[in-house]
Amino acid sequence: MDKSISFFDGGAEGFYHGLMLGLIALMDNQYKIKSNRESGDGRFDVSLIPREKRYPGIILELKWKEKLSDVELEKWSNEALKQIGELRYDSEMKEDGITEILKFGIAFSGKKVCVRTE
């Protein structure tokens, strides 16, 4: 993040959402990429549905808040990860028979990022 974005760029969650979609766009041959879709009891930020059974499903929940400390950033990423489970964002994948699902809670604040996985 230090080398790729300006602190002027990171001013809203939408910026980071677009950044993540751009980074994973190259994975389109292995995954169907969905953004801001309903699943379970809410709406996930990004999901990657495997095109072949050998790949795991992936769900990304993103959070952004301005001027967070490292401790607050870690808490925010844990909240994002918790949200995936509480709102059952994996329900659509499970219905499709996907059993291995990686969950990522990702928090951004300016050029800082914290990632929690399950």
PDB file of N, CA and C in Angstrom:
ATOM      1  N   MET A   1       0.829  -1.188   0.000  1.00  0.00           N
ATOM      2  CA  MET A   1       0.000   0.000   0.000  1.00  0.00           C
ATOM      3  C   MET A   1       0.875   1.254   0.000  1.00  0.00           C
ATOM      4  N   ASP A   2       1.997   1.219   0.724  1.00  0.00           N
ATOM      5  CA  ASP A   2       2.867   2.384   0.773  1.00  0.00           C
ATOM      6  C   ASP A   2       3.367   2.786  -0.611  1.00  0.00           C
ATOM      7  N   LYS A   3       3.628   1.803  -1.449  1.00  0.00           N
ATOM      8  CA  LYS A   3       4.212   2.082  -2.752  1.00  0.00           C
ATOM      9  C   LYS A   3       3.173   2.315  -3.844  1.00  0.00           C
ATOM     10  N   SER A   4       1.913   1.898  -3.615  1.00  0.00           N
ATOM     11  CA  SER A   4       0.965   1.900  -4.722  1.00  0.00           C
ATOM     12  C   SER A   4      -0.110   2.976  -4.659  1.00  0.00           C
ATOM     13  N   ILE A   5      -0.461   3.490  -3.465  1.00  0.00           N
ATOM     14  CA  ILE A   5      -1.525   4.481  -3.415  1.00  0.00           C
ATOM     15  C   ILE A   5      -1.046   5.744  -2.702  1.00  0.00           C
ATOM     16  N   SER A   6      -1.726   6.828  -3.006  1.00  0.00           N
ATOM     17  CA  SER A   6      -1.500   8.092  -2.313  1.00  0.00           C
ATOM     18  C   SER A   6      -2.435   8.147  -1.118  1.00  0.00           C
ATOM     19  N   PHE A   7      -2.071   8.877  -0.080  1.00  0.00           N
ATOM     20  CA  PHE A   7      -2.987   9.007   1.045  1.00  0.00           C
ATOM     21  C   PHE A   7      -4.242   9.784   0.637  1.00  0.00           C
ATOM     22  N   PHE A   8      -4.210  10.490  -0.497  1.00  0.00           N
ATOM     23  CA  PHE A   8      -5.392  11.146  -1.036  1.00  0.00           C
ATOM     24  C   PHE A   8      -6.393  10.121  -1.594  1.00  0.00           C
ATOM     25  N   ASP A   9      -5.891   8.973  -2.066  1.00  0.00           N
ATOM     26  CA  ASP A   9      -6.746   7.950  -2.682  1.00  0.00           C
ATOM     27  C   ASP A   9      -7.651   7.264  -1.672  1.00  0.00           C
ATOM     28  N   GLY A  10      -7.089   6.896  -0.542  1.00  0.00           N
ATOM     29  CA  GLY A  10      -7.795   6.048   0.416  1.00  0.00           C
ATOM     30  C   GLY A  10      -8.804   6.774   1.268  1.00  0.00           C
ATOM     31  N   GLY A  11      -9.840   7.337   0.665  1.00  0.00           N
ATOM     32  CA  GLY A  11     -10.792   8.130   1.415  1.00  0.00           C
ATOM     33  C   GLY A  11     -12.167   7.540   1.591  1.00  0.00           C
ATOM     34  N   ALA A  12     -12.407   6.334   1.117  1.00  0.00           N
ATOM     35  CA  ALA A  12     -13.729   5.707   1.268  1.00  0.00           C
ATOM     36  C   ALA A  12     -13.611   4.221   0.966  1.00  0.00           C
ATOM     37  N   GLU A  13     -14.587   3.463   1.470  1.00  0.00           N
ATOM     38  CA  GLU A  13     -14.562   2.019   1.259  1.00  0.00           C
ATOM     39  C   GLU A  13     -14.640   1.661  -0.221  1.00  0.00           C
ATOM     40  N   GLY A  14     -15.358   2.472  -0.995  1.00  0.00           N
ATOM     41  CA  GLY A  14     -15.498   2.188  -2.424  1.00  0.00           C
ATOM     42  C   GLY A  14     -14.163   2.140  -3.153  1.00  0.00           C
ATOM     43  N   PHE A  15     -13.225   2.982  -2.746  1.00  0.00           N
ATOM     44  CA  PHE A  15     -11.897   2.951  -3.361  1.00  0.00           C
ATOM     45  C   PHE A  15     -11.236   1.592  -3.141  1.00  0.00           C
ATOM     46  N   TYR A  16     -11.253   1.111  -1.897  1.00  0.00           N
ATOM     47  CA  TYR A  16     -10.612  -0.163  -1.568  1.00  0.00           C
ATOM     48  C   TYR A  16     -11.351  -1.336  -2.216  1.00  0.00           C
ATOM     49  N   HIS A  17     -12.661  -1.222  -2.314  1.00  0.00           N
ATOM     50  CA  HIS A  17     -13.465  -2.252  -2.978  1.00  0.00           C
ATOM     51  C   HIS A  17     -13.018  -2.372  -4.441  1.00  0.00           C
ATOM     52  N   GLY A  18     -12.901  -1.255  -5.116  1.00  0.00           N
ATOM     53  CA  GLY A  18     -12.445  -1.262  -6.507  1.00  0.00           C
ATOM     54  C   GLY A  18     -11.023  -1.772  -6.644  1.00  0.00           C
ATOM     55  N   LEU A  19     -10.173  -1.397  -5.704  1.00  0.00           N
ATOM     56  CA  LEU A  19      -8.789  -1.878  -5.713  1.00  0.00           C
ATOM     57  C   LEU A  19      -8.755  -3.397  -5.616  1.00  0.00           C
ATOM     58  N   MET A  20      -9.535  -3.952  -4.692  1.00  0.00           N
ATOM     59  CA  MET A  20      -9.558  -5.414  -4.522  1.00  0.00           C
ATOM     60  C   MET A  20     -10.116  -6.101  -5.769  1.00  0.00           C
ATOM     61  N   LEU A  21     -11.183  -5.563  -6.343  1.00  0.00           N
ATOM     62  CA  LEU A  21     -11.737  -6.153  -7.570  1.00  0.00           C
ATOM     63  C   LEU A  21     -10.714  -6.136  -8.696  1.00  0.00           C
ATOM     64  N   GLY A  22      -9.965  -5.053  -8.796  1.00  0.00           N
ATOM     65  CA  GLY A  22      -8.922  -4.970  -9.820  1.00  0.00           C
ATOM     66  C   GLY A  22      -7.836  -6.008  -9.613  1.00  0.00           C
ATOM     67  N   LEU A  23      -7.460  -6.225  -8.368  1.00  0.00           N
ATOM     68  CA  LEU A  23      -6.410  -7.202  -8.067  1.00  0.00           C
ATOM     69  C   LEU A  23      -6.849  -8.633  -8.376  1.00  0.00           C
ATOM     70  N   ILE A  24      -8.117  -8.930  -8.125  1.00  0.00           N
ATOM     71  CA  ILE A  24      -8.563 -10.319  -8.329  1.00  0.00           C
ATOM     72  C   ILE A  24      -9.136 -10.564  -9.724  1.00  0.00           C
ATOM     73  N   ALA A  25      -9.251  -9.538 -10.541  1.00  0.00           N
ATOM     74  CA  ALA A  25      -9.811  -9.700 -11.885  1.00  0.00           C
ATOM     75  C   ALA A  25      -9.047 -10.734 -12.710  1.00  0.00           C
ATOM     76  N   LEU A  26      -7.761 -10.866 -12.458  1.00  0.00           N
ATOM     77  CA  LEU A  26      -6.950 -11.839 -13.195  1.00  0.00           C
ATOM     78  C   LEU A  26      -7.297 -13.286 -12.841  1.00  0.00           C
ATOM     79  N   MET A  27      -8.063 -13.470 -11.782  1.00  0.00           N
ATOM     80  CA  MET A  27      -8.438 -14.824 -11.354  1.00  0.00           C
ATOM     81  C   MET A  27      -9.743 -15.282 -12.000  1.00  0.00           C
ATOM     82  N   ASP A  28     -10.242 -14.527 -12.966  1.00  0.00           N
ATOM     83  CA  ASP A  28     -11.529 -14.821 -13.587  1.00  0.00           C
ATOM     84  C   ASP A  28     -11.573 -16.185 -14.268  1.00  0.00           C
ATOM     85  N   ASN A  29     -10.437 -16.720 -14.681  1.00  0.00           N
ATOM     86  CA  ASN A  29     -10.451 -18.045 -15.324  1.00  0.00           C
ATOM     87  C   ASN A  29     -10.623 -19.168 -14.292  1.00  0.00           C
ATOM     88  N   GLN A  30     -10.352 -18.898 -13.003  1.00  0.00           N
ATOM     89  CA  GLN A  30     -10.533 -19.900 -11.948  1.00  0.00           C
ATOM     90  C   GLN A  30     -11.785 -19.658 -11.115  1.00  0.00           C
ATOM     91  N   TYR A  31     -12.281 -18.420 -11.108  1.00  0.00           N
ATOM     92  CA  TYR A  31     -13.403 -18.045 -10.246  1.00  0.00           C
ATOM     93  C   TYR A  31     -14.424 -17.185 -10.975  1.00  0.00           C
ATOM     94  N   LYS A  32     -15.684 -17.329 -10.577  1.00  0.00           N
ATOM     95  CA  LYS A  32     -16.720 -16.372 -10.950  1.00  0.00           C
ATOM     96  C   LYS A  32     -16.693 -15.316  -9.845  1.00  0.00           C
ATOM     97  N   ILE A  33     -16.426 -14.085 -10.211  1.00  0.00           N
ATOM     98  CA  ILE A  33     -16.263 -13.014  -9.238  1.00  0.00           C
ATOM     99  C   ILE A  33     -17.574 -12.232  -9.137  1.00  0.00           C
ATOM    100  N   LYS A  34     -18.079 -12.121  -7.903  1.00  0.00           N
ATOM    101  CA  LYS A  34     -19.321 -11.388  -7.657  1.00  0.00           C
ATOM    102  C   LYS A  34     -19.048 -10.280  -6.646  1.00  0.00           C
ATOM    103  N   SER A  35     -19.707  -9.162  -6.844  1.00  0.00           N
ATOM    104  CA  SER A  35     -19.513  -7.999  -5.989  1.00  0.00           C
ATOM    105  C   SER A  35     -20.862  -7.484  -5.489  1.00  0.00           C
ATOM    106  N   ASN A  36     -20.907  -7.194  -4.189  1.00  0.00           N
ATOM    107  CA  ASN A  36     -22.107  -6.600  -3.577  1.00  0.00           C
ATOM    108  C   ASN A  36     -23.392  -7.368  -3.882  1.00  0.00           C
ATOM    109  N   ARG A  37     -23.380  -8.656  -3.616  1.00  0.00           N
ATOM    110  CA  ARG A  37     -24.558  -9.499  -3.871  1.00  0.00           C
ATOM    111  C   ARG A  37     -25.118 -10.026  -2.561  1.00  0.00           C
ATOM    112  N   GLU A  38     -26.385 -10.341  -2.568  1.00  0.00           N
ATOM    113  CA  GLU A  38     -27.026 -10.891  -1.381  1.00  0.00           C
ATOM    114  C   GLU A  38     -26.725 -12.373  -1.239  1.00  0.00           C
ATOM    115  N   SER A  39     -26.503 -12.767   0.007  1.00  0.00           N
ATOM    116  CA  SER A  39     -26.341 -14.173   0.352  1.00  0.00           C
ATOM    117  C   SER A  39     -26.601 -14.282   1.851  1.00  0.00           C
ATOM    118  N   GLY A  40     -27.341 -15.301   2.256  1.00  0.00           N
ATOM    119  CA  GLY A  40     -27.663 -15.438   3.664  1.00  0.00           C
ATOM    120  C   GLY A  40     -28.547 -14.295   4.120  1.00  0.00           C
ATOM    121  N   ASP A  41     -28.128 -13.620   5.183  1.00  0.00           N
ATOM    122  CA  ASP A  41     -28.928 -12.545   5.766  1.00  0.00           C
ATOM    123  C   ASP A  41     -28.364 -11.157   5.470  1.00  0.00           C
ATOM    124  N   GLY A  42     -27.577 -11.038   4.421  1.00  0.00           N
ATOM    125  CA  GLY A  42     -26.988  -9.736   4.129  1.00  0.00           C
ATOM    126  C   GLY A  42     -26.400  -9.682   2.737  1.00  0.00           C
ATOM    127  N   ARG A  43     -25.443  -8.768   2.585  1.00  0.00           N
ATOM    128  CA  ARG A  43     -24.815  -8.530   1.284  1.00  0.00           C
ATOM    129  C   ARG A  43     -23.306  -8.487   1.494  1.00  0.00           C
ATOM    130  N   PHE A  44     -22.610  -9.457   0.898  1.00  0.00           N
ATOM    131  CA  PHE A  44     -21.145  -9.509   1.000  1.00  0.00           C
ATOM    132  C   PHE A  44     -20.528  -8.469   0.081  1.00  0.00           C
ATOM    133  N   ASP A  45     -19.255  -8.178   0.329  1.00  0.00           N
ATOM    134  CA  ASP A  45     -18.550  -7.245  -0.550  1.00  0.00           C
ATOM    135  C   ASP A  45     -18.078  -7.947  -1.818  1.00  0.00           C
ATOM    136  N   VAL A  46     -17.306  -9.036  -1.683  1.00  0.00           N
ATOM    137  CA  VAL A  46     -16.778  -9.744  -2.854  1.00  0.00           C
ATOM    138  C   VAL A  46     -16.793 -11.241  -2.560  1.00  0.00           C
ATOM    139  N   SER A  47     -17.211 -12.029  -3.533  1.00  0.00           N
ATOM    140  CA  SER A  47     -17.072 -13.480  -3.420  1.00  0.00           C
ATOM    141  C   SER A  47     -16.444 -14.022  -4.692  1.00  0.00           C
ATOM    142  N   LEU A  48     -15.677 -15.073  -4.513  1.00  0.00           N
ATOM    143  CA  LEU A  48     -15.052 -15.769  -5.620  1.00  0.00           C
ATOM    144  C   LEU A  48     -15.563 -17.198  -5.592  1.00  0.00           C
ATOM    145  N   ILE A  49     -16.370 -17.527  -6.564  1.00  0.00           N
ATOM    146  CA  ILE A  49     -16.980 -18.849  -6.639  1.00  0.00           C
ATOM    147  C   ILE A  49     -16.134 -19.700  -7.577  1.00  0.00           C
ATOM    148  N   PRO A  50     -15.605 -20.816  -7.076  1.00  0.00           N
ATOM    149  CA  PRO A  50     -14.682 -21.606  -7.902  1.00  0.00           C
ATOM    150  C   PRO A  50     -15.359 -22.203  -9.128  1.00  0.00           C
ATOM    151  N   ARG A  51     -14.646 -22.151 -10.237  1.00  0.00           N
ATOM    152  CA  ARG A  51     -15.137 -22.768 -11.467  1.00  0.00           C
ATOM    153  C   ARG A  51     -14.854 -24.271 -11.479  1.00  0.00           C
ATOM    154  N   GLU A  52     -13.913 -24.709 -10.639  1.00  0.00           N
ATOM    155  CA  GLU A  52     -13.577 -26.135 -10.514  1.00  0.00           C
ATOM    156  C   GLU A  52     -13.567 -26.498  -9.036  1.00  0.00           C
ATOM    157  N   LYS A  53     -13.930 -27.729  -8.728  1.00  0.00           N
ATOM    158  CA  LYS A  53     -14.024 -28.199  -7.343  1.00  0.00           C
ATOM    159  C   LYS A  53     -12.689 -28.157  -6.602  1.00  0.00           C
ATOM    160  N   ARG A  54     -11.583 -28.141  -7.315  1.00  0.00           N
ATOM    161  CA  ARG A  54     -10.276 -28.180  -6.643  1.00  0.00           C
ATOM    162  C   ARG A  54      -9.917 -26.854  -5.975  1.00  0.00           C
ATOM    163  N   TYR A  55     -10.658 -25.781  -6.282  1.00  0.00           N
ATOM    164  CA  TYR A  55     -10.391 -24.476  -5.682  1.00  0.00           C
ATOM    165  C   TYR A  55     -11.376 -24.213  -4.543  1.00  0.00           C
ATOM    166  N   PRO A  56     -10.937 -23.512  -3.499  1.00  0.00           N
ATOM    167  CA  PRO A  56     -11.879 -23.144  -2.431  1.00  0.00           C
ATOM    168  C   PRO A  56     -12.709 -21.931  -2.837  1.00  0.00           C
ATOM    169  N   GLY A  57     -13.865 -21.787  -2.222  1.00  0.00           N
ATOM    170  CA  GLY A  57     -14.626 -20.558  -2.351  1.00  0.00           C
ATOM    171  C   GLY A  57     -13.949 -19.491  -1.494  1.00  0.00           C
ATOM    172  N   ILE A  58     -14.168 -18.241  -1.833  1.00  0.00           N
ATOM    173  CA  ILE A  58     -13.551 -17.142  -1.092  1.00  0.00           C
ATOM    174  C   ILE A  58     -14.573 -16.024  -0.901  1.00  0.00           C
ATOM    175  N   ILE A  59     -14.645 -15.523   0.324  1.00  0.00           N
ATOM    176  CA  ILE A  59     -15.517 -14.386   0.625  1.00  0.00           C
ATOM    177  C   ILE A  59     -14.671 -13.290   1.261  1.00  0.00           C
ATOM    178  N   LEU A  60     -14.806 -12.069   0.745  1.00  0.00           N
ATOM    179  CA  LEU A  60     -14.089 -10.921   1.285  1.00  0.00           C
ATOM    180  C   LEU A  60     -15.097  -9.929   1.855  1.00  0.00           C
ATOM    181  N   GLU A  61     -14.906  -9.541   3.089  1.00  0.00           N
ATOM    182  CA  GLU A  61     -15.694  -8.459   3.678  1.00  0.00           C
ATOM    183  C   GLU A  61     -14.721  -7.330   4.005  1.00  0.00           C
ATOM    184  N   LEU A  62     -14.986  -6.158   3.465  1.00  0.00           N
ATOM    185  CA  LEU A  62     -14.081  -5.026   3.591  1.00  0.00           C
ATOM    186  C   LEU A  62     -14.658  -3.976   4.526  1.00  0.00           C
ATOM    187  N   LYS A  63     -13.777  -3.359   5.300  1.00  0.00           N
ATOM    188  CA  LYS A  63     -14.158  -2.260   6.187  1.00  0.00           C
ATOM    189  C   LYS A  63     -13.168  -1.129   5.982  1.00  0.00           C
ATOM    190  N   TRP A  64     -13.652   0.085   6.140  1.00  0.00           N
ATOM    191  CA  TRP A  64     -12.799   1.253   6.039  1.00  0.00           C
ATOM    192  C   TRP A  64     -13.213   2.259   7.100  1.00  0.00           C
ATOM    193  N   LYS A  65     -12.222   2.867   7.687  1.00  0.00           N
ATOM    194  CA  LYS A  65     -12.464   3.962   8.603  1.00  0.00           C
ATOM    195  C   LYS A  65     -11.212   4.817   8.630  1.00  0.00           C
ATOM    196  N   GLU A  66     -11.411   6.092   8.721  1.00  0.00           N
ATOM    197  CA  GLU A  66     -10.303   7.044   8.671  1.00  0.00           C
ATOM    198  C   GLU A  66      -9.530   7.076   9.988  1.00  0.00           C
ATOM    199  N   LYS A  67      -8.212   7.189   9.872  1.00  0.00           N
ATOM    200  CA  LYS A  67      -7.303   7.446  10.989  1.00  0.00           C
ATOM    201  C   LYS A  67      -7.412   6.437  12.136  1.00  0.00           C
ATOM    202  N   LEU A  68      -7.391   5.158  11.814  1.00  0.00           N
ATOM    203  CA  LEU A  68      -7.422   4.121  12.848  1.00  0.00           C
ATOM    204  C   LEU A  68      -6.019   3.805  13.341  1.00  0.00           C
ATOM    205  N   SER A  69      -5.909   3.518  14.613  1.00  0.00           N
ATOM    206  CA  SER A  69      -4.647   3.006  15.154  1.00  0.00           C
ATOM    207  C   SER A  69      -4.502   1.552  14.719  1.00  0.00           C
ATOM    208  N   ASP A  70      -3.334   0.970  14.908  1.00  0.00           N
ATOM    209  CA  ASP A  70      -3.123  -0.435  14.548  1.00  0.00           C
ATOM    210  C   ASP A  70      -4.054  -1.348  15.341  1.00  0.00           C
ATOM    211  N   VAL A  71      -4.276  -1.045  16.610  1.00  0.00           N
ATOM    212  CA  VAL A  71      -5.174  -1.849  17.454  1.00  0.00           C
ATOM    213  C   VAL A  71      -6.605  -1.752  16.949  1.00  0.00           C
ATOM    214  N   GLU A  72      -7.046  -0.535  16.616  1.00  0.00           N
ATOM    215  CA  GLU A  72      -8.397  -0.352  16.094  1.00  0.00           C
ATOM    216  C   GLU A  72      -8.561  -1.021  14.735  1.00  0.00           C
ATOM    217  N   LEU A  73      -7.527  -0.982  13.910  1.00  0.00           N
ATOM    218  CA  LEU A  73      -7.565  -1.611  12.592  1.00  0.00           C
ATOM    219  C   LEU A  73      -7.720  -3.123  12.732  1.00  0.00           C
ATOM    220  N   GLU A  74      -7.012  -3.707  13.679  1.00  0.00           N
ATOM    221  CA  GLU A  74      -7.134  -5.138  13.931  1.00  0.00           C
ATOM    222  C   GLU A  74      -8.549  -5.485  14.397  1.00  0.00           C
ATOM    223  N   LYS A  75      -9.093  -4.689  15.280  1.00  0.00           N
ATOM    224  CA  LYS A  75     -10.468  -4.907  15.754  1.00  0.00           C
ATOM    225  C   LYS A  75     -11.462  -4.825  14.599  1.00  0.00           C
ATOM    226  N   TRP A  76     -11.265  -3.848  13.723  1.00  0.00           N
ATOM    227  CA  TRP A  76     -12.154  -3.645  12.580  1.00  0.00           C
ATOM    228  C   TRP A  76     -12.104  -4.840  11.622  1.00  0.00           C
ATOM    229  N   SER A  77     -10.911  -5.404  11.406  1.00  0.00           N
ATOM    230  CA  SER A  77     -10.800  -6.574  10.523  1.00  0.00           C
ATOM    231  C   SER A  77     -11.469  -7.787  11.164  1.00  0.00           C
ATOM    232  N   ASN A  78     -11.359  -7.917  12.481  1.00  0.00           N
ATOM    233  CA  ASN A  78     -12.061  -9.005  13.178  1.00  0.00           C
ATOM    234  C   ASN A  78     -13.570  -8.841  13.069  1.00  0.00           C
ATOM    235  N   GLU A  79     -14.050  -7.599  13.128  1.00  0.00           N
ATOM    236  CA  GLU A  79     -15.487  -7.329  12.956  1.00  0.00           C
ATOM    237  C   GLU A  79     -15.956  -7.733  11.562  1.00  0.00           C
ATOM    238  N   ALA A  80     -15.143  -7.446  10.557  1.00  0.00           N
ATOM    239  CA  ALA A  80     -15.482  -7.820   9.179  1.00  0.00           C
ATOM    240  C   ALA A  80     -15.587  -9.340   9.053  1.00  0.00           C
ATOM    241  N   LEU A  81     -14.634 -10.052   9.657  1.00  0.00           N
ATOM    242  CA  LEU A  81     -14.653 -11.513   9.611  1.00  0.00           C
ATOM    243  C   LEU A  81     -15.863 -12.066  10.352  1.00  0.00           C
ATOM    244  N   LYS A  82     -16.156 -11.502  11.489  1.00  0.00           N
ATOM    245  CA  LYS A  82     -17.319 -11.925  12.289  1.00  0.00           C
ATOM    246  C   LYS A  82     -18.620 -11.718  11.507  1.00  0.00           C
ATOM    247  N   GLN A  83     -18.702 -10.621  10.769  1.00  0.00           N
ATOM    248  CA  GLN A  83     -19.892 -10.302   9.976  1.00  0.00           C
ATOM    249  C   GLN A  83     -20.181 -11.385   8.938  1.00  0.00           C
ATOM    250  N   ILE A  84     -19.143 -11.934   8.337  1.00  0.00           N
ATOM    251  CA  ILE A  84     -19.321 -12.997   7.336  1.00  0.00           C
ATOM    252  C   ILE A  84     -20.076 -14.175   7.953  1.00  0.00           C
ATOM    253  N   GLY A  85     -19.671 -14.560   9.153  1.00  0.00           N
ATOM    254  CA  GLY A  85     -20.325 -15.691   9.816  1.00  0.00           C
ATOM    255  C   GLY A  85     -21.709 -15.362  10.320  1.00  0.00           C
ATOM    256  N   GLU A  86     -21.850 -14.222  10.975  1.00  0.00           N
ATOM    257  CA  GLU A  86     -23.145 -13.854  11.565  1.00  0.00           C
ATOM    258  C   GLU A  86     -24.233 -13.677  10.519  1.00  0.00           C
ATOM    259  N   LEU A  87     -23.869 -13.126   9.375  1.00  0.00           N
ATOM    260  CA  LEU A  87     -24.860 -12.898   8.325  1.00  0.00           C
ATOM    261  C   LEU A  87     -24.896 -14.019   7.284  1.00  0.00           C
ATOM    262  N   ARG A  88     -24.129 -15.080   7.539  1.00  0.00           N
ATOM    263  CA  ARG A  88     -24.153 -16.293   6.717  1.00  0.00           C
ATOM    264  C   ARG A  88     -23.899 -16.012   5.232  1.00  0.00           C
ATOM    265  N   TYR A  89     -22.877 -15.216   4.957  1.00  0.00           N
ATOM    266  CA  TYR A  89     -22.553 -14.894   3.566  1.00  0.00           C
ATOM    267  C   TYR A  89     -22.138 -16.123   2.767  1.00  0.00           C
ATOM    268  N   ASP A  90     -21.782 -17.206   3.448  1.00  0.00           N
ATOM    269  CA  ASP A  90     -21.360 -18.429   2.755  1.00  0.00           C
ATOM    270  C   ASP A  90     -22.519 -19.337   2.372  1.00  0.00           C
ATOM    271  N   SER A  91     -23.756 -18.957   2.689  1.00  0.00           N
ATOM    272  CA  SER A  91     -24.896 -19.858   2.467  1.00  0.00           C
ATOM    273  C   SER A  91     -25.103 -20.218   0.998  1.00  0.00           C
ATOM    274  N   GLU A  92     -24.929 -19.277   0.090  1.00  0.00           N
ATOM    275  CA  GLU A  92     -25.114 -19.564  -1.339  1.00  0.00           C
ATOM    276  C   GLU A  92     -24.073 -20.580  -1.821  1.00  0.00           C
ATOM    277  N   MET A  93     -22.831 -20.407  -1.396  1.00  0.00           N
ATOM    278  CA  MET A  93     -21.784 -21.353  -1.797  1.00  0.00           C
ATOM    279  C   MET A  93     -22.077 -22.744  -1.228  1.00  0.00           C
ATOM    280  N   LYS A  94     -22.492 -22.791   0.025  1.00  0.00           N
ATOM    281  CA  LYS A  94     -22.807 -24.086   0.648  1.00  0.00           C
ATOM    282  C   LYS A  94     -23.947 -24.774  -0.082  1.00  0.00           C
ATOM    283  N   GLU A  95     -24.943 -24.007  -0.495  1.00  0.00           N
ATOM    284  CA  GLU A  95     -26.058 -24.576  -1.255  1.00  0.00           C
ATOM    285  C   GLU A  95     -25.586 -25.172  -2.576  1.00  0.00           C
ATOM    286  N   ASP A  96     -24.527 -24.604  -3.146  1.00  0.00           N
ATOM    287  CA  ASP A  96     -23.964 -25.096  -4.401  1.00  0.00           C
ATOM    288  C   ASP A  96     -22.964 -26.226  -4.194  1.00  0.00           C
ATOM    289  N   GLY A  97     -22.829 -26.699  -2.950  1.00  0.00           N
ATOM    290  CA  GLY A  97     -21.958 -27.839  -2.667  1.00  0.00           C
ATOM    291  C   GLY A  97     -20.499 -27.492  -2.421  1.00  0.00           C
ATOM    292  N   ILE A  98     -20.196 -26.223  -2.269  1.00  0.00           N
ATOM    293  CA  ILE A  98     -18.815 -25.813  -1.989  1.00  0.00           C
ATOM    294  C   ILE A  98     -18.587 -25.971  -0.495  1.00  0.00           C
ATOM    295  N   THR A  99     -17.656 -26.810  -0.127  1.00  0.00           N
ATOM    296  CA  THR A  99     -17.435 -27.099   1.294  1.00  0.00           C
ATOM    297  C   THR A  99     -16.225 -26.377   1.869  1.00  0.00           C
ATOM    298  N   GLU A 100     -15.224 -26.104   1.042  1.00  0.00           N
ATOM    299  CA  GLU A 100     -14.059 -25.363   1.514  1.00  0.00           C
ATOM    300  C   GLU A 100     -14.233 -23.893   1.135  1.00  0.00           C
ATOM    301  N   ILE A 101     -14.402 -23.044   2.153  1.00  0.00           N
ATOM    302  CA  ILE A 101     -14.641 -21.625   1.921  1.00  0.00           C
ATOM    303  C   ILE A 101     -13.689 -20.817   2.802  1.00  0.00           C
ATOM    304  N   LEU A 102     -12.862 -20.004   2.166  1.00  0.00           N
ATOM    305  CA  LEU A 102     -11.943 -19.121   2.886  1.00  0.00           C
ATOM    306  C   LEU A 102     -12.637 -17.780   3.100  1.00  0.00           C
ATOM    307  N   LYS A 103     -12.555 -17.275   4.331  1.00  0.00           N
ATOM    308  CA  LYS A 103     -13.215 -16.016   4.678  1.00  0.00           C
ATOM    309  C   LYS A 103     -12.157 -15.000   5.083  1.00  0.00           C
ATOM    310  N   PHE A 104     -12.260 -13.805   4.516  1.00  0.00           N
ATOM    311  CA  PHE A 104     -11.300 -12.744   4.779  1.00  0.00           C
ATOM    312  C   PHE A 104     -12.014 -11.501   5.288  1.00  0.00           C
ATOM    313  N   GLY A 105     -11.646 -11.054   6.476  1.00  0.00           N
ATOM    314  CA  GLY A 105     -12.080  -9.770   6.994  1.00  0.00           C
ATOM    315  C   GLY A 105     -10.924  -8.803   6.781  1.00  0.00           C
ATOM    316  N   ILE A 106     -11.143  -7.781   5.979  1.00  0.00           N
ATOM    317  CA  ILE A 106     -10.049  -6.874   5.605  1.00  0.00           C
ATOM    318  C   ILE A 106     -10.434  -5.450   5.985  1.00  0.00           C
ATOM    319  N   ALA A 107      -9.585  -4.826   6.802  1.00  0.00           N
ATOM    320  CA  ALA A 107      -9.835  -3.450   7.230  1.00  0.00           C
ATOM    321  C   ALA A 107      -8.760  -2.532   6.663  1.00  0.00           C
ATOM    322  N   PHE A 108      -9.191  -1.373   6.193  1.00  0.00           N
ATOM    323  CA  PHE A 108      -8.300  -0.372   5.614  1.00  0.00           C
ATOM    324  C   PHE A 108      -8.432   0.937   6.382  1.00  0.00           C
ATOM    325  N   SER A 109      -7.334   1.642   6.477  1.00  0.00           N
ATOM    326  CA  SER A 109      -7.336   2.992   7.020  1.00  0.00           C
ATOM    327  C   SER A 109      -6.145   3.716   6.401  1.00  0.00           C
ATOM    328  N   GLY A 110      -6.437   4.606   5.464  1.00  0.00           N
ATOM    329  CA  GLY A 110      -5.347   5.255   4.730  1.00  0.00           C
ATOM    330  C   GLY A 110      -4.529   4.216   3.994  1.00  0.00           C
ATOM    331  N   LYS A 111      -3.218   4.187   4.247  1.00  0.00           N
ATOM    332  CA  LYS A 111      -2.332   3.212   3.604  1.00  0.00           C
ATOM    333  C   LYS A 111      -2.169   1.942   4.428  1.00  0.00           C
ATOM    334  N   LYS A 112      -2.840   1.869   5.559  1.00  0.00           N
ATOM    335  CA  LYS A 112      -2.725   0.689   6.421  1.00  0.00           C
ATOM    336  C   LYS A 112      -3.821  -0.322   6.099  1.00  0.00           C
ATOM    337  N   VAL A 113      -3.464  -1.591   6.241  1.00  0.00           N
ATOM    338  CA  VAL A 113      -4.428  -2.664   6.015  1.00  0.00           C
ATOM    339  C   VAL A 113      -4.177  -3.774   7.032  1.00  0.00           C
ATOM    340  N   CYS A 114      -5.250  -4.415   7.472  1.00  0.00           N
ATOM    341  CA  CYS A 114      -5.143  -5.576   8.364  1.00  0.00           C
ATOM    342  C   CYS A 114      -6.086  -6.642   7.833  1.00  0.00           C
ATOM    343  N   VAL A 115      -5.584  -7.872   7.733  1.00  0.00           N
ATOM    344  CA  VAL A 115      -6.357  -8.978   7.179  1.00  0.00           C
ATOM    345  C   VAL A 115      -6.480 -10.076   8.220  1.00  0.00           C
ATOM    346  N   ARG A 116      -7.701 -10.558   8.427  1.00  0.00           N
ATOM    347  CA  ARG A 116      -7.968 -11.703   9.291  1.00  0.00           C
ATOM    348  C   ARG A 116      -8.642 -12.766   8.447  1.00  0.00           C
ATOM    349  N   THR A 117      -8.255 -14.010   8.655  1.00  0.00           N
ATOM    350  CA  THR A 117      -8.814 -15.102   7.849  1.00  0.00           C
ATOM    351  C   THR A 117      -9.374 -16.202   8.742  1.00  0.00           C
ATOM    352  N   GLU A 118     -10.244 -16.974   8.130  1.00  0.00           N
ATOM    353  CA  GLU A 118     -10.841 -18.133   8.792  1.00  0.00           C
ATOM    354  C   GLU A 118     -11.075 -19.206   7.759  1.00  0.00           C
TER     355      GLU A 118
END
